[in-house]
Amino acid sequence: MRGDLGGALEDAEAGIAIAQELDLPRGEIVGRNVAIDVLGELWCFEDMARHSEAVTRTCDVLGGGFQRSVVLADAAWVALWRGKRRFADELFERSHASDVSTLDVGWAGQTEVLAWEWAGDPDRLERVADRLTERLDGGYPVWLAWGRYARALASLLRGRWELAQELGEESLRMARSHGHRRAAWRSARVLARAQDALGLRSEAAASRELGRSLLEPAIATIPDRCRERFLSRPDVTELMS
């Protein structure tokens, strides 16, 4: 699986086709969950919903618990996007009850962070951060970086600038140390916003430039059909303007 967004989406869609041809439902589930992760990042919600509905059907036919928590988290984000917040909460709770592995906890937790980031809900961001910290118990630093980012963003949304700065620095350091650009550029943006609010103009400019440098390589890889959506994200616009 390639690391760039466009490559990851292309690989996922190719994997789905192969899995369907060979009648490998677990391969299809993994492929669709990867596609949903990328499409959610790109804010291509219609395509994300299409894959979510398909993977839910495949998961139901297969039965058992294989990646069911991730599938439910994907469906919850789609429900949230469609304005069905109560249903989204129910699906996230079902996702929590369905995890059977660390992969489930981390992947579904990352999806939940992204969903509540999109919704701008600090309370839910704190809740998923608590869950990631508790369930991962100090290990799996990539997903823990998502939890720390969720706390930083929640603090920013509440206007708690000093805490947002502290947590933004921590999440940025964690994400960069493990090469996770998606969490890193977000953390740099939060850090820049907090530094601006604290009157640290030169530091904010440096953080914003770092975020831009982390984000720019991803933009060139995005498929044409999704690039405009991604560039319209307010957090992306803020870094790229």
Protein backbone atom coordinates (compact mmCIF):
# COMPACT_ATOMS: atom_id res chain seq x y z
CA MET A 1 0.00 0.00 0.00
CA ARG A 2 1.51 3.32 -1.08
CA GLY A 3 1.83 6.11 1.45
CA ASP A 4 0.42 8.97 -0.65
CA LEU A 5 -3.32 9.62 -0.66
CA GLY A 6 -3.91 9.08 -4.36
CA GLY A 7 -1.79 5.94 -4.42
CA ALA A 8 -3.49 4.51 -1.35
CA LEU A 9 -6.92 5.08 -2.90
CA GLU A 10 -5.87 3.52 -6.20
CA ASP A 11 -4.39 0.49 -4.42
CA ALA A 12 -7.49 0.09 -2.27
CA GLU A 13 -9.84 0.18 -5.25
CA ALA A 14 -7.66 -2.34 -7.13
CA GLY A 15 -7.63 -4.58 -4.06
CA ILE A 16 -11.42 -4.43 -3.81
CA ALA A 17 -11.78 -5.54 -7.44
CA ILE A 18 -9.37 -8.45 -6.95
CA ALA A 19 -11.05 -9.54 -3.72
CA GLN A 20 -14.46 -9.52 -5.39
CA GLU A 21 -13.16 -11.49 -8.37
CA LEU A 22 -11.60 -14.13 -6.09
CA ASP A 23 -14.54 -14.10 -3.65
CA LEU A 24 -12.43 -12.97 -0.69
CA PRO A 25 -14.84 -10.97 1.52
CA ARG A 26 -12.23 -10.15 4.14
CA GLY A 27 -9.98 -8.65 1.48
CA GLU A 28 -12.90 -6.60 0.21
CA ILE A 29 -13.65 -5.36 3.72
CA VAL A 30 -10.05 -4.24 4.26
CA GLY A 31 -9.92 -2.58 0.85
CA ARG A 32 -13.14 -0.67 1.35
CA ASN A 33 -12.13 0.45 4.84
CA VAL A 34 -8.88 1.84 3.42
CA ALA A 35 -10.78 3.58 0.61
CA ILE A 36 -13.19 5.09 3.16
CA ASP A 37 -10.28 6.35 5.25
CA VAL A 38 -8.76 8.16 2.25
CA LEU A 39 -12.08 9.46 0.91
CA GLY A 40 -12.98 10.82 4.34
CA GLU A 41 -9.65 12.63 4.47
CA LEU A 42 -10.44 14.14 1.08
CA TRP A 43 -14.01 15.06 2.08
CA CYS A 44 -15.41 13.02 -0.83
CA PHE A 45 -18.35 12.04 1.30
CA GLU A 46 -20.63 10.69 -1.42
CA ASP A 47 -18.00 8.12 -2.46
CA MET A 48 -17.25 7.40 1.19
CA ALA A 49 -20.93 6.67 1.83
CA ARG A 50 -21.10 4.37 -1.19
CA HIS A 51 -18.17 2.30 0.07
CA SER A 52 -19.55 2.32 3.62
CA GLU A 53 -22.89 0.91 2.52
CA ALA A 54 -21.15 -1.78 0.44
CA VAL A 55 -18.75 -2.83 3.19
CA THR A 56 -21.59 -3.00 5.71
CA ARG A 57 -23.41 -5.45 3.45
CA THR A 58 -20.28 -7.55 2.98
CA CYS A 59 -19.57 -7.56 6.72
CA ASP A 60 -23.15 -8.63 7.50
CA VAL A 61 -22.98 -11.50 4.98
CA LEU A 62 -19.59 -12.65 6.30
CA GLY A 63 -20.70 -12.53 9.92
CA GLY A 64 -18.35 -12.58 12.87
CA GLY A 65 -16.30 -9.69 14.17
CA PHE A 66 -13.70 -9.16 11.46
CA GLN A 67 -13.12 -5.37 11.30
CA ARG A 68 -16.73 -4.85 12.33
CA SER A 69 -15.78 -2.03 14.70
CA VAL A 70 -14.06 -0.19 11.84
CA VAL A 71 -17.06 -0.75 9.56
CA LEU A 72 -19.39 0.62 12.25
CA ALA A 73 -17.16 3.65 12.81
CA ASP A 74 -17.19 4.34 9.07
CA ALA A 75 -20.99 4.10 9.06
CA ALA A 76 -21.15 6.44 12.05
CA TRP A 77 -19.17 9.12 10.21
CA VAL A 78 -21.48 8.79 7.21
CA ALA A 79 -24.49 9.16 9.53
CA LEU A 80 -22.93 12.27 11.09
CA TRP A 81 -22.30 13.76 7.64
CA ARG A 82 -25.94 13.09 6.76
CA GLY A 83 -27.08 15.00 9.86
CA LYS A 84 -28.10 11.91 11.86
CA ARG A 85 -26.12 12.73 14.97
CA ARG A 86 -28.04 10.50 17.39
CA PHE A 87 -27.66 7.54 15.05
CA ALA A 88 -23.96 8.35 14.66
CA ASP A 89 -23.53 8.23 18.44
CA GLU A 90 -25.29 4.85 18.53
CA LEU A 91 -23.06 3.47 15.79
CA PHE A 92 -19.91 4.68 17.54
CA GLU A 93 -21.07 2.97 20.75
CA ARG A 94 -21.65 -0.24 18.79
CA SER A 95 -18.18 0.14 17.31
CA HIS A 96 -16.68 0.41 20.79
CA ALA A 97 -18.48 -2.77 21.85
CA SER A 98 -17.29 -4.65 18.74
CA ASP A 99 -13.53 -4.16 18.84
CA VAL A 100 -11.62 -7.42 19.16
CA SER A 101 -8.04 -6.26 18.55
CA THR A 102 -5.69 -3.32 18.94
CA LEU A 103 -6.04 -2.70 15.20
CA ASP A 104 -9.79 -2.30 15.69
CA VAL A 105 -9.35 0.14 18.56
CA GLY A 106 -6.76 2.26 16.76
CA TRP A 107 -8.29 2.34 13.30
CA ALA A 108 -11.86 2.91 14.49
CA GLY A 109 -10.57 5.50 16.97
CA GLN A 110 -8.78 7.39 14.22
CA THR A 111 -11.99 7.40 12.19
CA GLU A 112 -13.87 8.76 15.18
CA VAL A 113 -11.32 11.55 15.65
CA LEU A 114 -11.73 12.54 12.00
CA ALA A 115 -15.51 12.51 12.26
CA TRP A 116 -15.65 14.76 15.31
CA GLU A 117 -12.93 16.96 13.83
CA TRP A 118 -15.25 17.48 10.85
CA ALA A 119 -18.15 18.20 13.22
CA GLY A 120 -16.06 20.51 15.43
CA ASP A 121 -17.19 18.82 18.67
CA PRO A 122 -14.66 19.23 21.52
CA ASP A 123 -16.54 17.00 23.96
CA ARG A 124 -16.57 14.04 21.58
CA LEU A 125 -12.93 14.67 20.65
CA GLU A 126 -12.00 14.46 24.33
CA ARG A 127 -14.01 11.27 24.73
CA VAL A 128 -12.30 9.45 21.88
CA ALA A 129 -8.91 10.69 23.10
CA ASP A 130 -9.67 9.19 26.51
CA ARG A 131 -10.63 5.91 24.88
CA LEU A 132 -7.47 5.70 22.77
CA THR A 133 -5.27 6.49 25.77
CA GLU A 134 -7.04 3.94 27.98
CA ARG A 135 -7.31 1.10 25.47
CA LEU A 136 -3.84 1.44 23.93
CA ASP A 137 -2.17 1.82 27.33
CA GLY A 138 0.95 3.70 26.28
CA GLY A 139 1.73 1.62 23.18
CA TYR A 140 0.99 2.10 19.47
CA PRO A 141 2.29 5.68 19.21
CA VAL A 142 0.78 6.48 15.80
CA TRP A 143 -2.76 6.09 17.11
CA LEU A 144 -1.84 7.70 20.41
CA ALA A 145 -0.71 10.72 18.38
CA TRP A 146 -4.27 10.92 17.00
CA GLY A 147 -5.56 10.93 20.56
CA ARG A 148 -3.18 13.70 21.57
CA TYR A 149 -4.17 15.67 18.46
CA ALA A 150 -7.84 15.25 19.39
CA ARG A 151 -7.12 16.77 22.81
CA ALA A 152 -5.17 19.63 21.25
CA LEU A 153 -7.98 20.41 18.82
CA ALA A 154 -10.58 20.20 21.59
CA SER A 155 -8.56 22.71 23.64
CA LEU A 156 -8.28 25.00 20.62
CA LEU A 157 -12.03 24.85 19.99
CA ARG A 158 -12.61 25.81 23.65
CA GLY A 159 -10.19 28.73 23.49
CA ARG A 160 -7.74 27.17 25.93
CA TRP A 161 -4.71 28.50 24.11
CA GLU A 162 -1.91 27.48 26.47
CA LEU A 163 -3.13 23.90 26.67
CA ALA A 164 -3.70 23.77 22.92
CA GLN A 165 -0.12 24.93 22.41
CA GLU A 166 1.27 22.33 24.80
CA LEU A 167 -0.77 19.46 23.36
CA GLY A 168 -0.19 20.62 19.79
CA GLU A 169 3.57 20.49 20.34
CA GLU A 170 3.27 16.99 21.82
CA SER A 171 1.07 15.62 19.06
CA LEU A 172 3.26 17.20 16.38
CA ARG A 173 6.37 15.63 17.88
CA MET A 174 4.70 12.22 18.20
CA ALA A 175 3.32 12.27 14.67
CA ARG A 176 6.54 13.42 13.03
CA SER A 177 8.66 10.88 14.91
CA HIS A 178 6.62 8.11 13.28
CA GLY A 179 6.27 9.70 9.86
CA HIS A 180 2.52 10.27 10.14
CA ARG A 181 1.97 13.33 7.97
CA ARG A 182 -1.81 13.42 8.34
CA ALA A 183 -1.66 13.86 12.11
CA ALA A 184 1.43 16.08 11.83
CA TRP A 185 0.05 18.79 9.54
CA ARG A 186 -3.10 19.00 11.63
CA SER A 187 -1.07 19.36 14.81
CA ALA A 188 1.06 22.08 13.22
CA ARG A 189 -2.09 24.01 12.32
CA VAL A 190 -3.47 23.75 15.86
CA LEU A 191 -0.12 24.84 17.25
CA ALA A 192 0.01 27.84 14.90
CA ARG A 193 -3.52 28.91 15.85
CA ALA A 194 -2.73 28.66 19.57
CA GLN A 195 0.53 30.58 19.16
CA ASP A 196 -1.26 33.30 17.22
CA ALA A 197 -3.82 33.63 20.02
CA LEU A 198 -0.98 33.90 22.54
CA GLY A 199 0.71 36.67 20.53
CA LEU A 200 3.63 34.47 19.44
CA ARG A 201 3.60 35.66 15.85
CA SER A 202 6.98 34.43 14.64
CA GLU A 203 6.47 31.01 16.24
CA ALA A 204 3.01 30.79 14.68
CA ALA A 205 4.40 31.64 11.26
CA ALA A 206 7.04 28.92 11.60
CA SER A 207 4.45 26.35 12.69
CA ARG A 208 2.18 27.31 9.82
CA GLU A 209 5.04 26.97 7.34
CA LEU A 210 5.86 23.55 8.75
CA GLY A 211 2.25 22.48 8.37
CA ARG A 212 2.24 23.71 4.77
CA SER A 213 5.46 21.81 3.99
CA LEU A 214 3.91 18.62 5.38
CA LEU A 215 0.70 19.12 3.45
CA GLU A 216 1.95 20.16 0.01
CA PRO A 217 3.38 16.76 -1.04
CA ALA A 218 0.00 15.11 -0.41
CA ILE A 219 -1.94 17.55 -2.58
CA ALA A 220 -0.11 16.62 -5.77
CA THR A 221 -1.15 12.96 -5.38
CA ILE A 222 -4.88 13.55 -4.94
CA PRO A 223 -7.15 12.39 -7.79
CA ASP A 224 -8.65 15.22 -9.81
CA ARG A 225 -12.18 14.33 -8.75
CA CYS A 226 -11.29 14.91 -5.08
CA ARG A 227 -8.64 17.65 -5.16
CA GLU A 228 -11.06 20.57 -5.09
CA ARG A 229 -12.94 19.05 -2.15
CA PHE A 230 -9.73 18.63 -0.18
CA LEU A 231 -8.52 22.14 -0.93
CA SER A 232 -11.88 23.53 0.23
CA ARG A 233 -11.37 22.16 3.74
CA PRO A 234 -11.06 25.19 6.07
CA ASP A 235 -8.03 23.72 7.85
CA VAL A 236 -6.29 23.04 4.54
CA THR A 237 -7.18 26.49 3.21
CA GLU A 238 -5.78 28.04 6.38
CA LEU A 239 -2.39 26.43 5.86
CA MET A 240 -2.19 26.86 2.10
CA SER A 241 -3.31 30.49 1.86
